Amino acid sequence: MITYAITDPSTLNFNNLSSDLKKFSTKANIILYRDKNNSNYSYNAKIFVNEAKKYNFDKIILHQNIDLACLFQADGVHLTSSQLNLVEKAKFFKLFTIVSTHTLSEVKEAEKLGADMITFSPIFKTPNKEEPKGLDVLKEITSRVSIPVIALGGILTKEQIENCIKVGAKGFASIRYFS
């Protein structure tokens, strides 16, 4: 099962980076450095990738920026649904490419363009997000594509994770579950 930790300033403190990454590494096999409002993202991304390489993550991912992922030798990039046009560029640079999706058409487009994996969200209620899609929609999505679908959104418990896996998700992603 894929366990995908999405970091943000509430879960990752650069003053305690090593201990935070160690904590994440006990539960997650993929980790994403995500900080949408940080003017020092580039500087921090380099530190993050170098430090994360000391732990047993299968993949170390940067958010939205293909150039930084290449420059700092991250394993991949997580693109937003509005960046579908960049999937082919990411694949050209041999980056493991994850795309955030919210509709079947986005899912199908990401697969067609060559994404390695997609997140589909929100599955459960989560702060500041649209209405949850629910497990029935997740099941429909997983039955319509061959690439791994990772459930995202409001996942806080082992029961929620198990239910996502039962309907076909290959894993889950979360911010709060890993904190």
N, C-alpha and C. Protein backbone atom coordinates (compact mmCIF):
# COMPACT_ATOMS: atom_id res chain seq x y z
N MET A 1 0.84 -1.18 0.00
CA MET A 1 0.00 0.00 0.00
C MET A 1 0.88 1.24 0.00
N ILE A 2 0.49 2.22 -0.81
CA ILE A 2 1.20 3.49 -0.88
C ILE A 2 0.71 4.38 0.26
N THR A 3 1.66 4.87 1.05
CA THR A 3 1.36 5.81 2.13
C THR A 3 2.11 7.11 1.83
N TYR A 4 1.36 8.14 1.51
CA TYR A 4 1.90 9.37 0.93
C TYR A 4 1.68 10.54 1.89
N ALA A 5 2.76 11.00 2.50
CA ALA A 5 2.70 12.13 3.43
C ALA A 5 2.87 13.43 2.67
N ILE A 6 1.91 14.31 2.86
CA ILE A 6 1.97 15.65 2.28
C ILE A 6 2.29 16.60 3.41
N THR A 7 3.41 17.27 3.31
CA THR A 7 3.81 18.19 4.38
C THR A 7 3.22 19.57 4.12
N ASP A 8 3.11 20.32 5.16
CA ASP A 8 2.81 21.74 5.08
C ASP A 8 3.38 22.38 6.35
N PRO A 9 3.33 23.71 6.45
CA PRO A 9 3.96 24.35 7.61
C PRO A 9 3.44 23.89 8.97
N SER A 10 2.24 23.32 9.00
CA SER A 10 1.70 22.85 10.28
C SER A 10 2.29 21.50 10.70
N THR A 11 2.90 20.79 9.75
CA THR A 11 3.42 19.44 10.05
C THR A 11 4.92 19.31 9.89
N LEU A 12 5.55 20.30 9.31
CA LEU A 12 6.99 20.22 9.05
C LEU A 12 7.66 21.51 9.49
N ASN A 13 8.59 21.38 10.42
CA ASN A 13 9.29 22.53 10.96
C ASN A 13 10.77 22.40 10.58
N PHE A 14 11.28 23.36 9.85
CA PHE A 14 12.67 23.28 9.41
C PHE A 14 13.67 23.41 10.55
N ASN A 15 13.23 23.91 11.71
CA ASN A 15 14.10 23.93 12.88
C ASN A 15 14.26 22.54 13.48
N ASN A 16 13.33 21.65 13.18
CA ASN A 16 13.37 20.26 13.65
C ASN A 16 13.27 19.30 12.47
N LEU A 17 13.84 19.66 11.33
CA LEU A 17 13.62 18.92 10.09
C LEU A 17 13.98 17.45 10.22
N SER A 18 15.12 17.14 10.76
CA SER A 18 15.55 15.75 10.86
C SER A 18 14.58 14.92 11.69
N SER A 19 14.18 15.43 12.84
CA SER A 19 13.26 14.65 13.68
C SER A 19 11.87 14.56 13.05
N ASP A 20 11.44 15.62 12.36
CA ASP A 20 10.14 15.55 11.67
C ASP A 20 10.17 14.51 10.55
N LEU A 21 11.24 14.50 9.77
CA LEU A 21 11.35 13.52 8.68
C LEU A 21 11.44 12.10 9.22
N LYS A 22 12.14 11.94 10.33
CA LYS A 22 12.22 10.62 10.95
C LYS A 22 10.83 10.13 11.34
N LYS A 23 10.03 11.02 11.92
CA LYS A 23 8.66 10.69 12.31
C LYS A 23 7.83 10.30 11.07
N PHE A 24 7.92 11.09 10.01
CA PHE A 24 7.20 10.78 8.77
C PHE A 24 7.62 9.42 8.21
N SER A 25 8.91 9.13 8.30
CA SER A 25 9.44 7.90 7.68
C SER A 25 8.92 6.63 8.36
N THR A 26 8.40 6.76 9.57
CA THR A 26 7.86 5.57 10.24
C THR A 26 6.48 5.18 9.71
N LYS A 27 5.80 6.09 9.01
CA LYS A 27 4.46 5.82 8.49
C LYS A 27 4.33 5.96 6.98
N ALA A 28 5.20 6.74 6.35
CA ALA A 28 5.03 7.08 4.93
C ALA A 28 6.14 6.48 4.08
N ASN A 29 5.77 6.04 2.87
CA ASN A 29 6.82 5.60 1.94
C ASN A 29 7.05 6.61 0.81
N ILE A 30 6.19 7.61 0.70
CA ILE A 30 6.41 8.73 -0.22
C ILE A 30 6.18 10.00 0.60
N ILE A 31 7.02 11.01 0.34
CA ILE A 31 6.85 12.28 1.05
C ILE A 31 6.93 13.44 0.06
N LEU A 32 6.06 14.41 0.27
CA LEU A 32 5.98 15.61 -0.57
C LEU A 32 6.30 16.84 0.26
N TYR A 33 7.21 17.65 -0.24
CA TYR A 33 7.44 18.96 0.38
C TYR A 33 6.51 19.95 -0.32
N ARG A 34 5.55 20.45 0.45
CA ARG A 34 4.55 21.38 -0.06
C ARG A 34 4.42 22.54 0.90
N ASP A 35 4.63 23.74 0.40
CA ASP A 35 4.46 24.96 1.19
C ASP A 35 4.11 26.06 0.20
N LYS A 36 2.83 26.24 -0.02
CA LYS A 36 2.33 27.10 -1.10
C LYS A 36 2.69 28.57 -0.95
N ASN A 37 2.93 29.03 0.27
CA ASN A 37 3.11 30.48 0.47
C ASN A 37 4.50 30.86 0.96
N ASN A 38 5.48 30.00 0.74
CA ASN A 38 6.81 30.27 1.25
C ASN A 38 7.69 30.90 0.18
N SER A 39 8.13 32.12 0.43
CA SER A 39 9.00 32.80 -0.54
C SER A 39 10.39 32.15 -0.59
N ASN A 40 10.73 31.31 0.41
CA ASN A 40 12.01 30.59 0.43
C ASN A 40 11.84 29.13 0.00
N TYR A 41 10.80 28.83 -0.77
CA TYR A 41 10.52 27.44 -1.13
C TYR A 41 11.73 26.79 -1.80
N SER A 42 12.36 27.47 -2.72
CA SER A 42 13.50 26.89 -3.43
C SER A 42 14.63 26.52 -2.46
N TYR A 43 14.98 27.43 -1.59
CA TYR A 43 16.03 27.19 -0.61
C TYR A 43 15.66 26.00 0.28
N ASN A 44 14.43 26.01 0.79
CA ASN A 44 13.98 24.93 1.68
C ASN A 44 13.86 23.60 0.94
N ALA A 45 13.46 23.65 -0.33
CA ALA A 45 13.31 22.41 -1.11
C ALA A 45 14.64 21.68 -1.20
N LYS A 46 15.71 22.41 -1.41
CA LYS A 46 17.04 21.78 -1.50
C LYS A 46 17.39 21.11 -0.17
N ILE A 47 17.18 21.81 0.93
CA ILE A 47 17.47 21.25 2.26
C ILE A 47 16.59 20.03 2.51
N PHE A 48 15.31 20.15 2.18
CA PHE A 48 14.36 19.06 2.39
C PHE A 48 14.79 17.80 1.65
N VAL A 49 15.08 17.93 0.37
CA VAL A 49 15.45 16.75 -0.44
C VAL A 49 16.71 16.11 0.13
N ASN A 50 17.72 16.91 0.41
CA ASN A 50 18.97 16.35 0.95
C ASN A 50 18.76 15.63 2.27
N GLU A 51 17.96 16.19 3.14
CA GLU A 51 17.72 15.57 4.45
C GLU A 51 16.82 14.34 4.31
N ALA A 52 15.80 14.42 3.47
CA ALA A 52 14.87 13.29 3.30
C ALA A 52 15.57 12.06 2.72
N LYS A 53 16.64 12.28 1.96
CA LYS A 53 17.39 11.16 1.38
C LYS A 53 18.06 10.29 2.45
N LYS A 54 18.14 10.79 3.67
CA LYS A 54 18.74 10.03 4.76
C LYS A 54 17.78 9.00 5.34
N TYR A 55 16.52 9.03 4.90
CA TYR A 55 15.50 8.14 5.43
C TYR A 55 15.01 7.19 4.33
N ASN A 56 14.20 6.23 4.71
CA ASN A 56 13.80 5.16 3.79
C ASN A 56 12.55 5.48 2.99
N PHE A 57 12.44 6.64 2.44
CA PHE A 57 11.31 6.96 1.57
C PHE A 57 11.54 6.34 0.20
N ASP A 58 10.50 5.76 -0.37
CA ASP A 58 10.60 5.25 -1.74
C ASP A 58 10.73 6.39 -2.73
N LYS A 59 10.02 7.49 -2.45
CA LYS A 59 10.03 8.65 -3.33
C LYS A 59 10.01 9.93 -2.50
N ILE A 60 10.80 10.89 -2.95
CA ILE A 60 10.82 12.24 -2.38
C ILE A 60 10.34 13.17 -3.48
N ILE A 61 9.27 13.88 -3.21
CA ILE A 61 8.55 14.64 -4.23
C ILE A 61 8.53 16.13 -3.87
N LEU A 62 8.64 16.97 -4.90
CA LEU A 62 8.46 18.41 -4.71
C LEU A 62 7.14 18.84 -5.35
N HIS A 63 6.57 19.89 -4.84
CA HIS A 63 5.26 20.37 -5.26
C HIS A 63 5.37 21.35 -6.42
N GLN A 64 4.73 21.03 -7.52
CA GLN A 64 4.48 21.92 -8.65
C GLN A 64 5.68 22.33 -9.49
N ASN A 65 6.90 22.18 -9.03
CA ASN A 65 8.03 22.79 -9.71
C ASN A 65 8.97 21.73 -10.31
N ILE A 66 8.83 21.50 -11.59
CA ILE A 66 9.64 20.51 -12.31
C ILE A 66 11.12 20.89 -12.28
N ASP A 67 11.40 22.17 -12.51
CA ASP A 67 12.79 22.62 -12.56
C ASP A 67 13.52 22.37 -11.23
N LEU A 68 12.86 22.67 -10.11
CA LEU A 68 13.49 22.42 -8.82
C LEU A 68 13.64 20.93 -8.55
N ALA A 69 12.65 20.14 -8.95
CA ALA A 69 12.75 18.69 -8.76
C ALA A 69 13.96 18.14 -9.50
N CYS A 70 14.20 18.63 -10.70
CA CYS A 70 15.39 18.20 -11.46
C CYS A 70 16.67 18.71 -10.82
N LEU A 71 16.70 20.00 -10.51
CA LEU A 71 17.88 20.64 -9.95
C LEU A 71 18.34 19.98 -8.65
N PHE A 72 17.38 19.66 -7.77
CA PHE A 72 17.72 19.12 -6.46
C PHE A 72 17.66 17.59 -6.41
N GLN A 73 17.44 16.98 -7.57
CA GLN A 73 17.43 15.52 -7.71
C GLN A 73 16.38 14.85 -6.81
N ALA A 74 15.21 15.46 -6.78
CA ALA A 74 14.06 14.81 -6.15
C ALA A 74 13.64 13.67 -7.07
N ASP A 75 12.88 12.74 -6.54
CA ASP A 75 12.42 11.62 -7.36
C ASP A 75 11.28 12.02 -8.29
N GLY A 76 10.56 13.06 -7.88
CA GLY A 76 9.41 13.42 -8.70
C GLY A 76 8.79 14.74 -8.34
N VAL A 77 7.65 14.97 -8.99
CA VAL A 77 6.92 16.21 -8.83
C VAL A 77 5.43 15.89 -8.70
N HIS A 78 4.74 16.68 -7.86
CA HIS A 78 3.29 16.57 -7.71
C HIS A 78 2.69 17.81 -8.36
N LEU A 79 1.97 17.60 -9.44
CA LEU A 79 1.36 18.69 -10.19
C LEU A 79 -0.10 18.86 -9.79
N THR A 80 -0.58 20.09 -9.88
CA THR A 80 -1.99 20.35 -9.61
C THR A 80 -2.80 20.00 -10.85
N SER A 81 -4.12 19.94 -10.69
CA SER A 81 -4.98 19.64 -11.84
C SER A 81 -4.89 20.73 -12.91
N SER A 82 -4.50 21.94 -12.54
CA SER A 82 -4.34 23.00 -13.54
C SER A 82 -2.98 22.92 -14.24
N GLN A 83 -2.15 21.96 -13.86
CA GLN A 83 -0.84 21.78 -14.50
C GLN A 83 -0.78 20.51 -15.36
N LEU A 84 -1.91 19.99 -15.76
CA LEU A 84 -1.92 18.78 -16.60
C LEU A 84 -1.05 18.95 -17.84
N ASN A 85 -0.98 20.17 -18.35
CA ASN A 85 -0.16 20.43 -19.54
C ASN A 85 1.34 20.22 -19.28
N LEU A 86 1.74 20.05 -18.03
CA LEU A 86 3.17 19.87 -17.71
C LEU A 86 3.55 18.41 -17.48
N VAL A 87 2.59 17.49 -17.55
CA VAL A 87 2.90 16.07 -17.31
C VAL A 87 3.97 15.58 -18.28
N GLU A 88 3.82 15.88 -19.55
CA GLU A 88 4.78 15.40 -20.55
C GLU A 88 6.19 15.96 -20.29
N LYS A 89 6.27 17.21 -19.87
CA LYS A 89 7.58 17.80 -19.53
C LYS A 89 8.21 17.06 -18.35
N ALA A 90 7.43 16.80 -17.32
CA ALA A 90 7.94 16.08 -16.15
C ALA A 90 8.43 14.69 -16.55
N LYS A 91 7.67 14.02 -17.38
CA LYS A 91 8.06 12.67 -17.83
C LYS A 91 9.30 12.74 -18.72
N PHE A 92 9.45 13.79 -19.52
CA PHE A 92 10.64 13.96 -20.34
C PHE A 92 11.90 13.98 -19.46
N PHE A 93 11.78 14.59 -18.29
CA PHE A 93 12.91 14.66 -17.35
C PHE A 93 12.96 13.45 -16.41
N LYS A 94 12.17 12.43 -16.73
CA LYS A 94 12.17 11.16 -15.99
C LYS A 94 11.78 11.33 -14.51
N LEU A 95 10.91 12.28 -14.25
CA LEU A 95 10.41 12.48 -12.90
C LEU A 95 9.18 11.61 -12.67
N PHE A 96 9.09 11.00 -11.50
CA PHE A 96 7.88 10.32 -11.08
C PHE A 96 6.83 11.41 -10.96
N THR A 97 5.72 11.25 -11.65
CA THR A 97 4.76 12.34 -11.78
C THR A 97 3.41 11.97 -11.19
N ILE A 98 3.01 12.77 -10.21
CA ILE A 98 1.73 12.62 -9.53
C ILE A 98 0.88 13.84 -9.88
N VAL A 99 -0.40 13.62 -10.14
CA VAL A 99 -1.29 14.74 -10.46
C VAL A 99 -2.48 14.72 -9.51
N SER A 100 -2.81 15.88 -8.96
CA SER A 100 -4.03 16.03 -8.16
C SER A 100 -5.22 16.06 -9.11
N THR A 101 -6.22 15.24 -8.81
CA THR A 101 -7.43 15.22 -9.64
C THR A 101 -8.67 15.28 -8.76
N HIS A 102 -9.76 15.77 -9.40
CA HIS A 102 -11.03 15.94 -8.68
C HIS A 102 -12.23 15.49 -9.50
N THR A 103 -11.99 15.15 -10.78
CA THR A 103 -13.06 14.72 -11.67
C THR A 103 -12.57 13.54 -12.52
N LEU A 104 -13.51 12.79 -13.05
CA LEU A 104 -13.13 11.68 -13.93
C LEU A 104 -12.38 12.18 -15.16
N SER A 105 -12.77 13.30 -15.71
CA SER A 105 -12.07 13.80 -16.89
C SER A 105 -10.62 14.15 -16.58
N GLU A 106 -10.36 14.73 -15.42
CA GLU A 106 -8.97 15.02 -15.02
C GLU A 106 -8.19 13.72 -14.83
N VAL A 107 -8.82 12.73 -14.22
CA VAL A 107 -8.18 11.43 -14.00
C VAL A 107 -7.78 10.81 -15.34
N LYS A 108 -8.72 10.79 -16.28
CA LYS A 108 -8.46 10.18 -17.59
C LYS A 108 -7.38 10.95 -18.34
N GLU A 109 -7.41 12.27 -18.25
CA GLU A 109 -6.40 13.09 -18.94
C GLU A 109 -5.01 12.86 -18.34
N ALA A 110 -4.91 12.81 -17.02
CA ALA A 110 -3.62 12.55 -16.37
C ALA A 110 -3.07 11.20 -16.81
N GLU A 111 -3.92 10.19 -16.86
CA GLU A 111 -3.48 8.87 -17.30
C GLU A 111 -3.03 8.91 -18.76
N LYS A 112 -3.80 9.54 -19.61
CA LYS A 112 -3.47 9.63 -21.04
C LYS A 112 -2.13 10.33 -21.27
N LEU A 113 -1.85 11.35 -20.47
CA LEU A 113 -0.62 12.12 -20.63
C LEU A 113 0.61 11.42 -20.05
N GLY A 114 0.39 10.35 -19.27
CA GLY A 114 1.53 9.58 -18.76
C GLY A 114 1.86 9.75 -17.30
N ALA A 115 0.95 10.34 -16.53
CA ALA A 115 1.20 10.45 -15.08
C ALA A 115 1.41 9.05 -14.51
N ASP A 116 2.28 8.96 -13.51
CA ASP A 116 2.56 7.68 -12.85
C ASP A 116 1.50 7.33 -11.83
N MET A 117 0.86 8.35 -11.27
CA MET A 117 -0.07 8.14 -10.17
C MET A 117 -0.92 9.39 -10.05
N ILE A 118 -2.13 9.24 -9.52
CA ILE A 118 -2.96 10.42 -9.26
C ILE A 118 -3.46 10.38 -7.83
N THR A 119 -3.67 11.56 -7.28
CA THR A 119 -4.46 11.65 -6.06
C THR A 119 -5.86 12.05 -6.50
N PHE A 120 -6.86 11.52 -5.81
CA PHE A 120 -8.25 11.88 -6.10
C PHE A 120 -8.85 12.36 -4.80
N SER A 121 -9.46 13.57 -4.86
CA SER A 121 -9.93 14.17 -3.61
C SER A 121 -11.08 15.15 -3.85
N PRO A 122 -11.71 15.55 -2.71
CA PRO A 122 -11.58 14.98 -1.37
C PRO A 122 -12.51 13.78 -1.20
N ILE A 123 -12.03 12.77 -0.54
CA ILE A 123 -12.84 11.59 -0.29
C ILE A 123 -13.75 11.82 0.92
N PHE A 124 -13.19 12.34 1.98
CA PHE A 124 -13.95 12.63 3.20
C PHE A 124 -13.94 14.13 3.46
N LYS A 125 -14.75 14.57 4.39
CA LYS A 125 -14.83 16.00 4.72
C LYS A 125 -13.47 16.48 5.22
N THR A 126 -13.05 17.60 4.67
CA THR A 126 -11.77 18.19 5.05
C THR A 126 -11.90 19.71 5.03
N PRO A 127 -11.19 20.41 5.92
CA PRO A 127 -11.33 21.86 6.01
C PRO A 127 -11.00 22.57 4.69
N ASN A 128 -11.79 23.55 4.36
CA ASN A 128 -11.55 24.44 3.22
C ASN A 128 -11.56 23.75 1.86
N LYS A 129 -12.23 22.62 1.75
CA LYS A 129 -12.32 21.91 0.48
C LYS A 129 -13.78 21.73 0.11
N GLU A 130 -13.99 21.36 -1.14
CA GLU A 130 -15.36 21.13 -1.62
C GLU A 130 -15.99 19.95 -0.91
N GLU A 131 -17.25 19.70 -1.23
CA GLU A 131 -17.95 18.56 -0.63
C GLU A 131 -17.22 17.26 -0.93
N PRO A 132 -17.17 16.34 0.02
CA PRO A 132 -16.46 15.08 -0.20
C PRO A 132 -17.08 14.25 -1.33
N LYS A 133 -16.23 13.55 -2.06
CA LYS A 133 -16.67 12.69 -3.16
C LYS A 133 -17.26 11.39 -2.62
N GLY A 134 -16.66 10.86 -1.54
CA GLY A 134 -17.14 9.63 -0.94
C GLY A 134 -16.54 8.39 -1.57
N LEU A 135 -16.79 7.27 -0.92
CA LEU A 135 -16.20 5.99 -1.33
C LEU A 135 -16.80 5.44 -2.62
N ASP A 136 -18.08 5.70 -2.88
CA ASP A 136 -18.68 5.20 -4.12
C ASP A 136 -18.05 5.84 -5.35
N VAL A 137 -17.81 7.13 -5.28
CA VAL A 137 -17.15 7.82 -6.40
C VAL A 137 -15.70 7.34 -6.53
N LEU A 138 -15.02 7.16 -5.41
CA LEU A 138 -13.65 6.64 -5.44
C LEU A 138 -13.62 5.27 -6.12
N LYS A 139 -14.58 4.42 -5.79
CA LYS A 139 -14.66 3.09 -6.41
C LYS A 139 -14.84 3.21 -7.92
N GLU A 140 -15.70 4.11 -8.35
CA GLU A 140 -15.92 4.33 -9.79
C GLU A 140 -14.63 4.79 -10.47
N ILE A 141 -13.93 5.72 -9.85
CA ILE A 141 -12.68 6.24 -10.42
C ILE A 141 -11.65 5.12 -10.54
N THR A 142 -11.47 4.34 -9.48
CA THR A 142 -10.45 3.28 -9.51
C THR A 142 -10.76 2.22 -10.56
N SER A 143 -12.02 2.04 -10.88
CA SER A 143 -12.40 1.03 -11.88
C SER A 143 -12.21 1.53 -13.31
N ARG A 144 -11.94 2.83 -13.48
CA ARG A 144 -11.88 3.42 -14.82
C ARG A 144 -10.47 3.71 -15.32
N VAL A 145 -9.45 3.49 -14.47
CA VAL A 145 -8.07 3.78 -14.89
C VAL A 145 -7.14 2.65 -14.46
N SER A 146 -6.00 2.59 -15.11
CA SER A 146 -5.03 1.54 -14.77
C SER A 146 -3.88 2.06 -13.91
N ILE A 147 -3.71 3.38 -13.82
CA ILE A 147 -2.64 3.90 -12.96
C ILE A 147 -3.13 3.93 -11.51
N PRO A 148 -2.20 3.92 -10.55
CA PRO A 148 -2.61 3.95 -9.15
C PRO A 148 -3.40 5.21 -8.79
N VAL A 149 -4.51 4.99 -8.10
CA VAL A 149 -5.33 6.07 -7.57
C VAL A 149 -5.08 6.12 -6.07
N ILE A 150 -4.69 7.28 -5.59
CA ILE A 150 -4.39 7.49 -4.18
C ILE A 150 -5.50 8.37 -3.59
N ALA A 151 -6.18 7.84 -2.60
CA ALA A 151 -7.26 8.58 -1.94
C ALA A 151 -6.67 9.72 -1.12
N LEU A 152 -7.31 10.87 -1.17
CA LEU A 152 -6.85 12.06 -0.45
C LEU A 152 -8.05 12.83 0.05
N GLY A 153 -7.89 13.42 1.21
CA GLY A 153 -8.91 14.32 1.72
C GLY A 153 -9.63 13.78 2.94
N GLY A 154 -9.32 14.34 4.10
CA GLY A 154 -10.01 13.99 5.32
C GLY A 154 -9.67 12.63 5.88
N ILE A 155 -8.57 12.05 5.45
CA ILE A 155 -8.19 10.71 5.91
C ILE A 155 -7.41 10.84 7.21
N LEU A 156 -8.05 10.36 8.29
CA LEU A 156 -7.47 10.51 9.62
C LEU A 156 -7.37 9.20 10.39
N THR A 157 -8.08 8.15 9.94
CA THR A 157 -8.14 6.91 10.72
C THR A 157 -7.78 5.69 9.87
N LYS A 158 -7.38 4.63 10.55
CA LYS A 158 -7.09 3.37 9.87
C LYS A 158 -8.34 2.82 9.19
N GLU A 159 -9.51 3.01 9.80
CA GLU A 159 -10.75 2.55 9.19
C GLU A 159 -11.01 3.24 7.85
N GLN A 160 -10.78 4.54 7.78
CA GLN A 160 -10.94 5.26 6.52
C GLN A 160 -9.97 4.73 5.47
N ILE A 161 -8.74 4.48 5.89
CA ILE A 161 -7.73 3.95 4.96
C ILE A 161 -8.19 2.59 4.44
N GLU A 162 -8.59 1.71 5.32
CA GLU A 162 -9.05 0.37 4.92
C GLU A 162 -10.23 0.46 3.96
N ASN A 163 -11.15 1.37 4.21
CA ASN A 163 -12.31 1.52 3.32
C ASN A 163 -11.89 2.01 1.94
N CYS A 164 -10.91 2.89 1.87
CA CYS A 164 -10.41 3.36 0.57
C CYS A 164 -9.75 2.23 -0.20
N ILE A 165 -8.98 1.41 0.49
CA ILE A 165 -8.31 0.28 -0.15
C ILE A 165 -9.35 -0.74 -0.64
N LYS A 166 -10.38 -0.97 0.15
CA LYS A 166 -11.43 -1.93 -0.23
C LYS A 166 -12.11 -1.56 -1.54
N VAL A 167 -12.21 -0.26 -1.84
CA VAL A 167 -12.88 0.16 -3.08
C VAL A 167 -11.90 0.38 -4.23
N GLY A 168 -10.64 0.00 -4.03
CA GLY A 168 -9.71 0.00 -5.15
C GLY A 168 -8.56 0.98 -5.11
N ALA A 169 -8.52 1.89 -4.13
CA ALA A 169 -7.37 2.80 -4.04
C ALA A 169 -6.11 1.98 -3.76
N LYS A 170 -5.00 2.41 -4.33
CA LYS A 170 -3.72 1.73 -4.11
C LYS A 170 -2.99 2.26 -2.89
N GLY A 171 -3.58 3.28 -2.28
CA GLY A 171 -2.99 3.86 -1.09
C GLY A 171 -3.73 5.13 -0.72
N PHE A 172 -3.13 5.88 0.18
CA PHE A 172 -3.76 7.13 0.62
C PHE A 172 -2.70 8.20 0.82
N ALA A 173 -3.15 9.43 0.73
CA ALA A 173 -2.30 10.59 1.01
C ALA A 173 -3.01 11.43 2.06
N SER A 174 -2.22 12.09 2.88
CA SER A 174 -2.81 12.89 3.94
C SER A 174 -1.80 13.90 4.47
N ILE A 175 -2.31 14.96 5.02
CA ILE A 175 -1.47 15.89 5.78
C ILE A 175 -1.62 15.54 7.26
N ARG A 176 -2.85 15.56 7.74
CA ARG A 176 -3.09 15.44 9.19
C ARG A 176 -2.84 14.04 9.73
N TYR A 177 -3.03 12.98 8.95
CA TYR A 177 -2.82 11.62 9.45
C TYR A 177 -1.38 11.42 9.92
N PHE A 178 -0.44 12.03 9.25
CA PHE A 178 0.98 11.81 9.54
C PHE A 178 1.52 12.75 10.60
N SER A 179 0.73 13.73 11.01
CA SER A 179 1.26 14.72 11.98
C SER A 179 1.20 14.21 13.41
